[in-house]
């Protein structure tokens, strides 16, 4: 589970939306807007409070089922799945970074475990 950052100010988030045309382009923005958690008395100077999950979900549809039956490689299955919209754990984590929920370092710490 990811540790959640102490939220950044709404003023900063609004400014990022104005400057970048929104922060919903998760991965690209996560790499350029690396929020560094700042400590305070509420978080015991860690910069984190609470936890949130990062997820990777593969929905099995007919195309994926066919690949599984054919014993296709995991890369082949993932290539087909990516065309249908699922995000990897890394992408889900980086989207949370772009929203100021956590830090890039925290995402890499968790996905490398």
Protein backbone atom coordinates (compact mmCIF):
# COMPACT_ATOMS: atom_id res chain seq x y z
CA UNK A 1 0.00 0.00 0.00
CA UNK A 2 1.19 3.51 -0.83
CA UNK A 3 1.49 6.09 1.91
CA UNK A 4 -0.62 9.15 1.12
CA UNK A 5 1.08 12.55 1.04
CA UNK A 6 -0.23 15.41 3.06
CA UNK A 7 -2.33 17.22 0.44
CA UNK A 8 -0.81 20.09 -1.48
CA UNK A 9 -2.77 23.30 -1.53
CA UNK A 10 -5.78 23.71 -3.82
CA UNK A 11 -4.18 26.93 -5.06
CA UNK A 12 -1.22 24.94 -6.41
CA UNK A 13 -3.49 22.30 -7.97
CA UNK A 14 -5.62 24.98 -9.63
CA UNK A 15 -2.50 26.71 -10.96
CA UNK A 16 -1.22 23.41 -12.40
CA UNK A 17 -4.55 22.90 -14.14
CA UNK A 18 -4.34 26.37 -15.69
CA UNK A 19 -0.73 26.04 -16.78
CA UNK A 20 -0.81 22.43 -18.01
CA UNK A 21 -4.40 22.30 -19.26
CA UNK A 22 -5.34 19.93 -16.45
CA UNK A 23 -3.55 17.28 -14.48
CA UNK A 24 -5.47 14.29 -15.82
CA UNK A 25 -2.74 13.27 -18.25
CA UNK A 26 -1.36 11.19 -15.40
CA UNK A 27 1.89 9.68 -16.52
CA UNK A 28 3.27 12.70 -18.39
CA UNK A 29 2.38 15.08 -15.59
CA UNK A 30 3.61 12.72 -12.89
CA UNK A 31 7.07 12.84 -14.36
CA UNK A 32 7.15 16.65 -14.51
CA UNK A 33 5.18 17.49 -11.35
CA UNK A 34 7.00 15.43 -8.76
CA UNK A 35 5.39 16.56 -5.53
CA UNK A 36 7.72 16.19 -2.58
CA UNK A 37 5.84 15.46 0.64
CA UNK A 38 6.47 18.14 3.26
CA UNK A 39 6.31 17.28 6.94
CA UNK A 40 4.10 19.00 9.49
CA UNK A 41 2.89 18.42 13.04
CA UNK A 42 -0.17 16.49 11.76
CA UNK A 43 1.97 13.85 10.01
CA UNK A 44 4.82 13.77 12.55
CA UNK A 45 7.05 15.44 9.95
CA UNK A 46 6.95 12.44 7.58
CA UNK A 47 4.99 14.17 4.81
CA UNK A 48 2.60 11.21 4.71
CA UNK A 49 -0.74 10.37 6.27
CA UNK A 50 -2.80 7.26 5.66
CA UNK A 51 -2.46 4.83 2.78
CA UNK A 52 -4.00 4.23 -0.62
CA UNK A 53 -3.75 1.32 -3.03
CA UNK A 54 -2.34 1.03 -6.51
CA UNK A 55 -3.99 -1.53 -8.72
CA UNK A 56 -3.57 -3.48 -11.92
CA UNK A 57 -6.69 -5.29 -13.08
CA UNK A 58 -7.00 -7.50 -16.15
CA UNK A 59 -10.56 -8.11 -17.26
CA UNK A 60 -10.89 -11.43 -19.08
CA UNK A 61 -12.96 -10.95 -22.24
CA UNK A 62 -13.25 -13.27 -25.27
CA UNK A 63 -10.03 -11.98 -26.86
CA UNK A 64 -8.00 -12.48 -23.68
CA UNK A 65 -9.64 -15.86 -23.03
CA UNK A 66 -8.65 -17.01 -26.53
CA UNK A 67 -5.02 -16.00 -25.93
CA UNK A 68 -4.97 -17.85 -22.62
CA UNK A 69 -6.37 -21.02 -24.21
CA UNK A 70 -3.75 -20.73 -26.97
CA UNK A 71 -1.06 -20.42 -24.25
CA UNK A 72 0.07 -17.05 -25.59
CA UNK A 73 2.92 -15.28 -23.83
CA UNK A 74 2.13 -12.85 -21.04
CA UNK A 75 3.52 -10.07 -23.26
CA UNK A 76 1.05 -10.96 -26.03
CA UNK A 77 -1.84 -11.01 -23.56
CA UNK A 78 -0.76 -7.69 -22.07
CA UNK A 79 -0.45 -6.12 -25.56
CA UNK A 80 -4.07 -7.01 -26.32
CA UNK A 81 -5.25 -5.95 -22.86
CA UNK A 82 -3.56 -2.52 -23.21
CA UNK A 83 -5.73 -1.76 -26.25
CA UNK A 84 -8.78 -2.14 -23.99
CA UNK A 85 -7.71 0.42 -21.41
CA UNK A 86 -6.30 -1.14 -18.25
CA UNK A 87 -3.46 0.63 -16.46
CA UNK A 88 -0.38 -0.98 -14.99
CA UNK A 89 0.41 -0.57 -11.29
CA UNK A 90 3.12 1.89 -12.26
CA UNK A 91 0.71 3.99 -14.33
CA UNK A 92 -1.89 3.96 -11.56
CA UNK A 93 0.77 5.08 -9.09
CA UNK A 94 2.04 7.83 -11.38
CA UNK A 95 -1.50 9.14 -11.84
CA UNK A 96 -1.72 9.40 -8.04
CA UNK A 97 1.59 11.30 -8.09
CA UNK A 98 0.18 13.73 -10.66
CA UNK A 99 -2.76 14.38 -8.33
CA UNK A 100 -0.45 15.08 -5.39
CA UNK A 101 -1.60 12.00 -3.47
CA UNK A 102 1.85 10.44 -3.11
CA UNK A 103 5.43 10.81 -4.37
CA UNK A 104 7.26 9.12 -7.24
CA UNK A 105 9.72 7.66 -4.74
CA UNK A 106 6.86 6.08 -2.82
CA UNK A 107 5.43 4.53 -6.01
CA UNK A 108 8.79 3.00 -6.95
CA UNK A 109 9.30 1.77 -3.37
CA UNK A 110 5.99 -0.08 -3.45
CA UNK A 111 6.13 -1.56 -6.96
CA UNK A 112 9.67 -2.84 -6.41
CA UNK A 113 8.65 -4.90 -3.35
